[in-house]
Amino acid sequence: MKRKEPVIELSKEQKEIAADKIKDYMSESFEIEISQMQSKFLIDFITENIGMYYYNKALTDSMKFMSEKVEDLYLLMKDEEII
């Protein structure tokens, strides 16, 4: 099975930090020890299969915020008198 390219790319440093957090979480919450490589595979799975939901949610929230700010600009407009 060919692996899909992730929708979201993490830097090497970000992936290392995320892998460490997953390893700690698995150990503390489930008493399961996983390797750094297994943790990175889990990150890839989450990125490829779930990441798009978080990405789209962030975009939707940003669009809503920007839309509200554009509406606020209309409130700043001055009334124009037509002569």
N, C-alpha and C. Protein backbone atom coordinates (compact mmCIF):
# COMPACT_ATOMS: atom_id res chain seq x y z
N MET A 1 0.85 -1.18 0.00
CA MET A 1 0.00 0.00 0.00
C MET A 1 0.89 1.24 0.00
N LYS A 2 0.65 2.13 -0.94
CA LYS A 2 1.42 3.36 -1.04
C LYS A 2 0.91 4.38 -0.03
N ARG A 3 1.83 5.02 0.69
CA ARG A 3 1.45 6.02 1.68
C ARG A 3 1.10 7.32 0.98
N LYS A 4 0.05 7.96 1.47
CA LYS A 4 -0.35 9.26 0.95
C LYS A 4 0.52 10.34 1.58
N GLU A 5 0.73 11.41 0.82
CA GLU A 5 1.43 12.57 1.37
C GLU A 5 0.53 13.24 2.40
N PRO A 6 1.06 13.65 3.54
CA PRO A 6 0.22 14.31 4.54
C PRO A 6 -0.34 15.64 4.01
N VAL A 7 -1.54 15.95 4.43
CA VAL A 7 -2.17 17.21 4.07
C VAL A 7 -1.44 18.35 4.76
N ILE A 8 -1.03 18.11 5.96
CA ILE A 8 -0.35 19.12 6.78
C ILE A 8 1.08 18.65 7.00
N GLU A 9 2.03 19.51 6.71
CA GLU A 9 3.44 19.17 6.91
C GLU A 9 3.94 19.78 8.21
N LEU A 10 4.55 18.97 9.04
CA LEU A 10 5.18 19.45 10.26
C LEU A 10 6.69 19.52 10.02
N SER A 11 7.33 20.48 10.64
CA SER A 11 8.78 20.53 10.57
C SER A 11 9.34 19.34 11.35
N LYS A 12 10.60 19.03 11.10
CA LYS A 12 11.25 17.93 11.82
C LYS A 12 11.18 18.15 13.33
N GLU A 13 11.43 19.39 13.75
CA GLU A 13 11.39 19.71 15.19
C GLU A 13 9.97 19.54 15.75
N GLN A 14 8.95 20.01 15.01
CA GLN A 14 7.57 19.88 15.46
C GLN A 14 7.17 18.41 15.59
N LYS A 15 7.59 17.61 14.62
CA LYS A 15 7.26 16.18 14.65
C LYS A 15 7.94 15.49 15.83
N GLU A 16 9.19 15.87 16.13
CA GLU A 16 9.90 15.30 17.28
C GLU A 16 9.17 15.64 18.59
N ILE A 17 8.77 16.89 18.72
CA ILE A 17 8.05 17.33 19.93
C ILE A 17 6.73 16.58 20.06
N ALA A 18 5.99 16.48 18.95
CA ALA A 18 4.71 15.77 18.97
C ALA A 18 4.92 14.30 19.31
N ALA A 19 5.95 13.69 18.75
CA ALA A 19 6.24 12.28 19.02
C ALA A 19 6.54 12.08 20.51
N ASP A 20 7.31 12.98 21.09
CA ASP A 20 7.60 12.89 22.52
C ASP A 20 6.33 13.00 23.35
N LYS A 21 5.44 13.90 22.96
CA LYS A 21 4.19 14.08 23.70
C LYS A 21 3.31 12.83 23.60
N ILE A 22 3.26 12.22 22.42
CA ILE A 22 2.47 11.00 22.24
C ILE A 22 3.06 9.87 23.07
N LYS A 23 4.38 9.73 23.05
CA LYS A 23 5.02 8.69 23.86
C LYS A 23 4.70 8.87 25.34
N ASP A 24 4.80 10.10 25.83
CA ASP A 24 4.49 10.38 27.23
C ASP A 24 3.03 10.08 27.54
N TYR A 25 2.14 10.50 26.65
CA TYR A 25 0.71 10.27 26.86
C TYR A 25 0.39 8.77 26.92
N MET A 26 0.94 8.01 25.97
CA MET A 26 0.68 6.57 25.95
C MET A 26 1.20 5.90 27.22
N SER A 27 2.36 6.35 27.66
CA SER A 27 2.97 5.78 28.86
C SER A 27 2.18 6.12 30.11
N GLU A 28 1.83 7.40 30.26
CA GLU A 28 1.14 7.85 31.47
C GLU A 28 -0.33 7.41 31.51
N SER A 29 -1.00 7.44 30.38
CA SER A 29 -2.44 7.15 30.36
C SER A 29 -2.75 5.67 30.25
N PHE A 30 -1.93 4.94 29.50
CA PHE A 30 -2.24 3.54 29.21
C PHE A 30 -1.15 2.56 29.64
N GLU A 31 -0.06 3.10 30.21
CA GLU A 31 1.07 2.28 30.60
C GLU A 31 1.57 1.42 29.43
N ILE A 32 1.60 2.05 28.23
CA ILE A 32 2.09 1.41 27.02
C ILE A 32 3.34 2.16 26.57
N GLU A 33 4.42 1.43 26.40
CA GLU A 33 5.65 2.04 25.93
C GLU A 33 5.74 1.85 24.41
N ILE A 34 5.88 2.96 23.68
CA ILE A 34 6.05 2.88 22.23
C ILE A 34 7.37 3.58 21.87
N SER A 35 7.90 3.18 20.73
CA SER A 35 9.17 3.76 20.29
C SER A 35 8.91 5.12 19.63
N GLN A 36 9.98 5.85 19.42
CA GLN A 36 9.89 7.14 18.74
C GLN A 36 9.34 6.93 17.32
N MET A 37 9.79 5.86 16.66
CA MET A 37 9.34 5.57 15.30
C MET A 37 7.84 5.25 15.28
N GLN A 38 7.37 4.45 16.23
CA GLN A 38 5.94 4.14 16.31
C GLN A 38 5.13 5.40 16.55
N SER A 39 5.66 6.27 17.39
CA SER A 39 4.98 7.53 17.68
C SER A 39 4.89 8.39 16.42
N LYS A 40 5.96 8.42 15.63
CA LYS A 40 5.95 9.19 14.38
C LYS A 40 4.98 8.60 13.38
N PHE A 41 4.87 7.26 13.33
CA PHE A 41 3.88 6.64 12.45
C PHE A 41 2.47 7.02 12.87
N LEU A 42 2.24 7.11 14.18
CA LEU A 42 0.93 7.54 14.67
C LEU A 42 0.64 8.98 14.28
N ILE A 43 1.66 9.84 14.37
CA ILE A 43 1.50 11.24 13.93
C ILE A 43 1.14 11.29 12.45
N ASP A 44 1.84 10.49 11.63
CA ASP A 44 1.54 10.45 10.20
C ASP A 44 0.10 10.01 9.96
N PHE A 45 -0.35 8.98 10.69
CA PHE A 45 -1.72 8.50 10.53
C PHE A 45 -2.72 9.59 10.89
N ILE A 46 -2.51 10.23 12.03
CA ILE A 46 -3.42 11.29 12.46
C ILE A 46 -3.42 12.44 11.46
N THR A 47 -2.23 12.83 11.00
CA THR A 47 -2.12 13.93 10.04
C THR A 47 -2.87 13.61 8.75
N GLU A 48 -2.66 12.40 8.24
CA GLU A 48 -3.27 12.02 6.97
C GLU A 48 -4.77 11.80 7.05
N ASN A 49 -5.26 11.31 8.19
CA ASN A 49 -6.65 10.89 8.28
C ASN A 49 -7.54 11.80 9.11
N ILE A 50 -6.97 12.59 10.00
CA ILE A 50 -7.76 13.44 10.88
C ILE A 50 -7.36 14.90 10.78
N GLY A 51 -6.12 15.15 10.42
CA GLY A 51 -5.60 16.52 10.37
C GLY A 51 -6.44 17.48 9.57
N MET A 52 -7.04 16.98 8.47
CA MET A 52 -7.85 17.86 7.62
C MET A 52 -9.04 18.47 8.37
N TYR A 53 -9.58 17.76 9.35
CA TYR A 53 -10.70 18.29 10.11
C TYR A 53 -10.27 19.50 10.95
N TYR A 54 -9.10 19.39 11.57
CA TYR A 54 -8.57 20.51 12.36
C TYR A 54 -8.17 21.67 11.46
N TYR A 55 -7.57 21.34 10.32
CA TYR A 55 -7.17 22.37 9.35
C TYR A 55 -8.40 23.14 8.86
N ASN A 56 -9.43 22.39 8.45
CA ASN A 56 -10.65 23.04 7.95
C ASN A 56 -11.35 23.84 9.04
N LYS A 57 -11.35 23.34 10.27
CA LYS A 57 -11.96 24.07 11.38
C LYS A 57 -11.23 25.38 11.62
N ALA A 58 -9.90 25.35 11.55
CA ALA A 58 -9.12 26.58 11.73
C ALA A 58 -9.44 27.58 10.63
N LEU A 59 -9.55 27.10 9.39
CA LEU A 59 -9.90 28.00 8.29
C LEU A 59 -11.30 28.58 8.45
N THR A 60 -12.25 27.74 8.85
CA THR A 60 -13.62 28.21 9.06
C THR A 60 -13.67 29.26 10.16
N ASP A 61 -12.97 29.02 11.26
CA ASP A 61 -12.93 29.99 12.35
C ASP A 61 -12.29 31.30 11.90
N SER A 62 -11.23 31.19 11.10
CA SER A 62 -10.55 32.39 10.59
C SER A 62 -11.46 33.18 9.66
N MET A 63 -12.18 32.47 8.78
CA MET A 63 -13.10 33.16 7.86
C MET A 63 -14.22 33.86 8.62
N LYS A 64 -14.74 33.21 9.67
CA LYS A 64 -15.79 33.83 10.48
C LYS A 64 -15.25 35.10 11.15
N PHE A 65 -14.07 35.01 11.72
CA PHE A 65 -13.46 36.15 12.38
C PHE A 65 -13.25 37.30 11.40
N MET A 66 -12.69 36.99 10.23
CA MET A 66 -12.42 38.03 9.23
C MET A 66 -13.73 38.64 8.72
N SER A 67 -14.75 37.83 8.55
CA SER A 67 -16.05 38.32 8.10
C SER A 67 -16.63 39.31 9.10
N GLU A 68 -16.51 38.99 10.38
CA GLU A 68 -17.00 39.91 11.42
C GLU A 68 -16.23 41.22 11.39
N LYS A 69 -14.94 41.16 11.15
CA LYS A 69 -14.11 42.38 11.10
C LYS A 69 -14.47 43.23 9.88
N VAL A 70 -14.77 42.58 8.75
CA VAL A 70 -15.18 43.33 7.56
C VAL A 70 -16.52 44.02 7.82
N GLU A 71 -17.43 43.33 8.49
CA GLU A 71 -18.71 43.95 8.85
C GLU A 71 -18.49 45.17 9.73
N ASP A 72 -17.53 45.09 10.65
CA ASP A 72 -17.21 46.22 11.51
C ASP A 72 -16.74 47.43 10.70
N LEU A 73 -16.05 47.18 9.60
CA LEU A 73 -15.59 48.29 8.75
C LEU A 73 -16.76 49.07 8.17
N TYR A 74 -17.82 48.37 7.82
CA TYR A 74 -19.00 49.06 7.29
C TYR A 74 -19.60 50.02 8.32
N LEU A 75 -19.49 49.69 9.59
CA LEU A 75 -20.01 50.55 10.64
C LEU A 75 -19.23 51.85 10.75
N LEU A 76 -18.00 51.86 10.26
CA LEU A 76 -17.16 53.05 10.32
C LEU A 76 -17.42 54.03 9.18
N MET A 77 -18.18 53.57 8.20
CA MET A 77 -18.43 54.44 7.05
C MET A 77 -19.28 55.64 7.46
N LYS A 78 -19.00 56.77 6.87
CA LYS A 78 -19.74 58.01 7.12
C LYS A 78 -20.91 58.10 6.16
N ASP A 79 -21.99 58.68 6.64
CA ASP A 79 -23.12 58.92 5.75
C ASP A 79 -22.72 59.96 4.72
N GLU A 80 -23.11 59.70 3.50
CA GLU A 80 -22.80 60.65 2.42
C GLU A 80 -24.09 61.36 2.01
N GLU A 81 -23.97 62.65 1.86
CA GLU A 81 -25.11 63.44 1.37
C GLU A 81 -24.98 63.56 -0.13
N ILE A 82 -26.04 63.28 -0.80
CA ILE A 82 -26.05 63.47 -2.26
C ILE A 82 -26.67 64.82 -2.53
N ILE A 83 -25.93 65.67 -3.21
CA ILE A 83 -26.41 67.02 -3.50
C ILE A 83 -26.97 67.08 -4.89
